[in-house]
């Protein structure tokens, strides 16, 4: 049999390395089990490598190329294509037939006053939470990323960059490890290959590793070093506050020398959580256990007798700062989850009326 025709409308994207197989792209039994016998005969699976306005970069049945992004049906606004997604394309037309169920999905409430959900990345094996050893280091922000990872069941690794610029980088490591027992924290100089070698070991054949973090923490530099390339632009941080400027503008899967995939994402200053009750319970398991030990199930932890939370504060086994962060994230999650739920109900009702 001859080589099947290349599907899709856009031009092929040139690569020096050989085209990866489905297994190398991250195709696993979880996805294969979703494809029916009829679909296997009439469709071909492809992975979304990057999301652009109105277009998707895909790979899986030939050279990487662009296809039009499918639109969600009325009442199904929650689905948006994400880098890392798997789609089935019709063999004859090259058009998307459907998206496969995701093994996991990172999402957030869209910035601003909107009630929409913004997808970040799909089908990730490991999450690298990148923070820098300078004045931009923020435990509360790292906790938010941890909640996202725990909620979707993805293993998180804290990566602390710019170790070479800090007077006492070990203090940052100690602070990060204090967020969770057994949390893996790696201290690196993102510009030095030997320093990031332990991260490269996470990126084996078919594995997908995503990077999340604020602008200016060194994600683009880290991606360049892991890829052994300098093709991704980097920018210096502002000296006055250590904050960075956006360099990555699209969520893109990058192939790594070890055969895995690194998913870079634009820096996020605003990360509001929603639908993350399980992630919150896991990241703040110490607070959750104390709440369960209170005498009253509706304890507000203010003045009620038998409050285990206030007892822990008094004994010094729970810090006021950690309790405050738990309160803030819990309230934010409850509010955002309710808002988005109401919006989805209205959208569904409206589509039915039409």
Foldseek 3Di string as FASTA:
>chain_A
DDQADDAADFDFDDDPDDADAPLLQQDDPVQVVQADPVLVVFWFKWFFFWDDVQWTFIGHRDGTGIHGFDDDDQLRNLDDDFHGWMFIAGSPHSHTPGTTDFLFWQWFQDPDDDLHIGTYHTNAAEEEEFAEPDLRDDQLVVLLVQLRCQQSVHQYEYEYEPPVVDPCVVVSVVVNCVQDPPHHYAYAHLQDLVRCVVVLVQFARSHEYEYAAAAQRCPLSNVCSQQVHNPFDHDHDDPVRSHHDWRDDIFGWDAGPNSGTYTYGTGDPDGFAAPRPSSLCRSVVVVVVQQVQAPDVPDPPPDDPRRSVVVCCVVVVDDPVVVVSSVVNVVRHVVSHVSNVVVSVVSNVVVVVD
